[in-house]
Amino acid sequence: MSDLILHADGRARCWWPGTDPLYVTYHDTDWGVPERDSRALFEKLILDGFQAGLSWITILRKRETFRQAFAGFEPEKIVRFDEGDVARLMADAGIVRNRAKIEGTIRSARLYLDIEEKQGFSRFLWDFVGQRPLQPNIEHRREVLTETAESRAMSKALKSLGFSFVGPTITYAFMQAVGMTNDHLTGCFRHAEVAALGKAA
């Protein structure tokens, strides 16, 4: 597969969404866009943790069900989840039924609220890239990294606080998705658009 795919609309896109309509829409409208909302960042970090061992398209197809199951990923509601909720979630075929990840989400909600109160969850995470999106200008897929010094630092900090499923590869995928780094290939039509969003963010 080539680095870029020329689609029927005449636009060249990164290789990874292929031609799956849902994945292409995610690539075009979501991936790489700088996200500053704390709750949205919490949701994405949790979903990336659920992705561990799976493909992102699997999680993307279940994202709306995840949102329903986890009270819209509102930490204030998730912290009140009890064993009954864990049992409910373990029986929900619409999500990834992994007890460690479910219980980790509840624990992460408590940690989130503490960080949000002290300094803001968004500011805490964006500090790892100096509050500005990185612009690596990647031409070929072989240049795309799986982890960086920034993702390793983020992973270490999150783990030290008690978060789980936040290894440096997961945190880097998270950073790519929420626009902390613009990893659209330079030949992809979204690269320049996302770069402009980063300058305005």
Protein backbone atom coordinates (compact mmCIF):
# COMPACT_ATOMS: atom_id res chain seq x y z
CA MET A 1 0.00 0.00 0.00
CA SER A 2 1.32 3.43 -0.91
CA ASP A 3 1.86 6.21 1.59
CA LEU A 4 -1.02 8.24 0.17
CA ILE A 5 -4.33 7.18 -1.33
CA LEU A 6 -5.96 9.28 -4.03
CA HIS A 7 -9.71 9.15 -3.40
CA ALA A 8 -12.60 9.58 -5.80
CA ASP A 9 -13.04 13.19 -4.67
CA GLY A 10 -9.58 13.97 -6.02
CA ARG A 11 -8.01 14.39 -2.57
CA ALA A 12 -4.89 12.56 -1.45
CA ARG A 13 -5.14 11.15 2.05
CA CYS A 14 -2.94 9.28 4.51
CA TRP A 15 -2.89 5.52 3.88
CA TRP A 16 -4.25 4.32 7.21
CA PRO A 17 -8.03 4.93 6.89
CA GLY A 18 -8.08 3.13 3.54
CA THR A 19 -11.46 3.74 1.89
CA ASP A 20 -13.73 2.84 4.81
CA PRO A 21 -16.28 5.72 4.89
CA LEU A 22 -16.36 5.94 8.70
CA TYR A 23 -12.58 5.88 8.94
CA VAL A 24 -12.16 8.44 6.14
CA THR A 25 -14.61 10.81 7.84
CA TYR A 26 -12.70 10.41 11.12
CA HIS A 27 -9.43 11.15 9.27
CA ASP A 28 -10.92 14.22 7.58
CA THR A 29 -12.73 15.81 10.50
CA ASP A 30 -11.33 14.53 13.79
CA TRP A 31 -7.82 13.06 13.71
CA GLY A 32 -5.10 15.62 14.31
CA VAL A 33 -7.42 18.50 15.15
CA PRO A 34 -6.11 20.27 18.29
CA GLU A 35 -8.47 19.41 21.15
CA ARG A 36 -8.42 21.62 24.24
CA ASP A 37 -11.56 20.46 26.01
CA SER A 38 -10.67 18.50 29.14
CA ARG A 39 -13.65 16.14 28.99
CA ALA A 40 -13.07 15.35 25.32
CA LEU A 41 -9.41 14.63 26.06
CA PHE A 42 -10.43 12.31 28.90
CA GLU A 43 -12.77 10.42 26.58
CA LYS A 44 -10.08 9.97 23.92
CA LEU A 45 -7.48 8.84 26.44
CA ILE A 46 -9.89 6.24 27.83
CA LEU A 47 -10.85 5.00 24.37
CA ASP A 48 -7.21 4.72 23.38
CA GLY A 49 -6.71 2.57 26.47
CA PHE A 50 -9.58 0.33 25.38
CA GLN A 51 -7.91 0.09 21.97
CA ALA A 52 -4.86 -1.65 23.45
CA GLY A 53 -4.50 -4.94 21.58
CA LEU A 54 -7.15 -3.92 19.03
CA SER A 55 -7.41 -1.65 15.98
CA TRP A 56 -8.75 1.90 16.26
CA ILE A 57 -11.48 1.22 13.69
CA THR A 58 -12.87 -1.40 16.10
CA ILE A 59 -13.20 1.25 18.81
CA LEU A 60 -14.43 3.88 16.37
CA ARG A 61 -17.32 1.64 15.33
CA LYS A 62 -18.25 1.23 18.98
CA ARG A 63 -17.63 4.82 20.05
CA GLU A 64 -21.28 5.87 20.32
CA THR A 65 -22.10 2.76 22.34
CA PHE A 66 -19.13 3.48 24.59
CA ARG A 67 -20.45 6.99 25.14
CA GLN A 68 -23.86 5.68 26.14
CA ALA A 69 -22.40 3.00 28.41
CA PHE A 70 -20.04 5.43 30.16
CA ALA A 71 -22.49 8.31 30.74
CA GLY A 72 -21.10 10.46 27.96
CA PHE A 73 -17.64 10.09 29.49
CA GLU A 74 -18.54 12.63 32.13
CA PRO A 75 -16.06 11.93 34.94
CA GLU A 76 -18.43 13.34 37.57
CA LYS A 77 -20.88 10.56 36.71
CA ILE A 78 -18.34 7.79 36.17
CA VAL A 79 -16.86 8.21 39.66
CA ARG A 80 -20.22 7.11 41.05
CA PHE A 81 -20.15 3.81 39.16
CA ASP A 82 -20.31 0.79 41.48
CA GLU A 83 -20.06 -2.99 41.13
CA GLY A 84 -23.51 -3.02 39.56
CA ASP A 85 -22.27 -0.72 36.83
CA VAL A 86 -19.19 -2.88 36.30
CA ALA A 87 -21.46 -5.91 35.90
CA ARG A 88 -23.66 -3.94 33.49
CA LEU A 89 -20.66 -2.95 31.40
CA MET A 90 -19.24 -6.45 31.40
CA ALA A 91 -22.56 -7.64 29.92
CA ASP A 92 -22.64 -4.93 27.23
CA ALA A 93 -21.68 -6.49 23.90
CA GLY A 94 -21.54 -3.04 22.34
CA ILE A 95 -18.26 -2.16 24.06
CA VAL A 96 -14.97 -3.94 24.77
CA ARG A 97 -15.72 -6.07 27.80
CA ASN A 98 -12.48 -6.01 29.72
CA ARG A 99 -12.80 -5.76 33.50
CA ALA A 100 -9.37 -4.23 34.03
CA LYS A 101 -10.08 -1.50 31.48
CA ILE A 102 -13.57 -0.83 32.87
CA GLU A 103 -12.33 -0.58 36.45
CA GLY A 104 -9.38 1.49 35.21
CA THR A 105 -11.82 3.95 33.63
CA ILE A 106 -13.63 4.45 36.94
CA ARG A 107 -10.33 4.99 38.73
CA SER A 108 -9.17 7.36 35.97
CA ALA A 109 -12.31 9.46 36.40
CA ARG A 110 -11.33 10.12 40.03
CA LEU A 111 -7.80 11.01 38.99
CA TYR A 112 -9.13 13.28 36.25
CA LEU A 113 -11.27 15.25 38.70
CA ASP A 114 -8.29 15.80 40.96
CA ILE A 115 -6.11 17.07 38.09
CA GLU A 116 -8.92 19.19 36.68
CA GLU A 117 -9.40 20.90 40.04
CA LYS A 118 -5.71 21.52 40.63
CA GLN A 119 -4.54 22.71 37.21
CA GLY A 120 -6.92 21.63 34.48
CA PHE A 121 -6.66 18.29 32.72
CA SER A 122 -6.19 19.92 29.33
CA ARG A 123 -3.35 22.14 30.53
CA PHE A 124 -1.72 19.18 32.27
CA LEU A 125 -1.63 17.15 29.05
CA TRP A 126 -0.75 19.97 26.67
CA ASP A 127 2.21 20.92 28.87
CA PHE A 128 4.01 17.87 27.45
CA VAL A 129 4.23 19.63 24.08
CA GLY A 130 4.70 23.12 25.47
CA GLN A 131 1.03 24.00 24.86
CA ARG A 132 1.58 24.13 21.06
CA PRO A 133 1.08 21.35 18.49
CA LEU A 134 4.26 19.77 17.15
CA GLN A 135 4.73 19.99 13.36
CA PRO A 136 7.10 17.17 12.32
CA ASN A 137 6.41 17.39 8.53
CA ILE A 138 6.31 13.66 7.75
CA GLU A 139 6.56 12.73 4.07
CA HIS A 140 6.48 8.93 4.26
CA ARG A 141 4.70 6.43 6.48
CA ARG A 142 8.05 4.87 7.48
CA GLU A 143 8.85 8.17 9.22
CA VAL A 144 5.81 7.98 11.50
CA LEU A 145 6.95 7.19 15.02
CA THR A 146 5.22 4.92 17.51
CA GLU A 147 6.48 6.80 20.56
CA THR A 148 8.49 9.91 21.35
CA ALA A 149 10.20 11.58 24.28
CA GLU A 150 7.00 13.55 24.84
CA SER A 151 4.77 10.46 24.85
CA ARG A 152 7.17 8.66 27.19
CA ALA A 153 7.09 11.63 29.59
CA MET A 154 3.28 11.75 29.43
CA SER A 155 3.05 8.01 29.99
CA LYS A 156 5.38 8.15 32.98
CA ALA A 157 3.45 11.01 34.57
CA LEU A 158 0.04 9.39 34.04
CA LYS A 159 1.24 6.06 35.41
CA SER A 160 2.72 7.74 38.47
CA LEU A 161 -0.69 9.24 39.21
CA GLY A 162 -2.44 5.87 38.93
CA PHE A 163 -3.74 5.80 35.35
CA SER A 164 -3.61 2.44 33.55
CA PHE A 165 -3.31 1.46 29.89
CA VAL A 166 -1.26 4.58 29.19
CA GLY A 167 1.99 3.16 27.83
CA PRO A 168 4.11 5.43 25.58
CA THR A 169 2.71 3.92 22.37
CA ILE A 170 -0.86 4.53 23.56
CA THR A 171 -0.07 8.07 24.66
CA TYR A 172 1.56 8.81 21.30
CA ALA A 173 -1.50 7.54 19.41
CA PHE A 174 -3.51 9.81 21.70
CA MET A 175 -1.24 12.78 20.96
CA GLN A 176 -1.62 12.20 17.22
CA ALA A 177 -5.40 11.96 17.44
CA VAL A 178 -5.95 15.08 19.57
CA GLY A 179 -3.63 17.27 17.56
CA MET A 180 -0.68 17.53 19.89
CA THR A 181 1.38 16.50 16.87
CA ASN A 182 0.40 16.92 13.23
CA ASP A 183 1.21 13.48 11.83
CA HIS A 184 -0.80 13.79 8.64
CA LEU A 185 1.65 13.14 5.80
CA THR A 186 2.70 16.34 4.07
CA GLY A 187 1.07 15.15 0.83
CA CYS A 188 -2.28 14.62 2.58
CA PHE A 189 -4.77 17.44 2.01
CA ARG A 190 -5.40 17.61 5.77
CA HIS A 191 -1.77 18.35 6.66
CA ALA A 192 -1.92 22.05 5.79
CA GLU A 193 -5.42 22.44 7.21
CA VAL A 194 -4.43 20.90 10.54
CA ALA A 195 -1.22 22.95 10.61
CA ALA A 196 -3.30 26.11 10.26
CA LEU A 197 -5.59 24.96 13.08
CA GLY A 198 -2.51 24.35 15.23
CA LYS A 199 -1.27 27.90 14.70
CA ALA A 200 -4.65 29.24 15.73
CA ALA A 201 -5.03 26.92 18.73
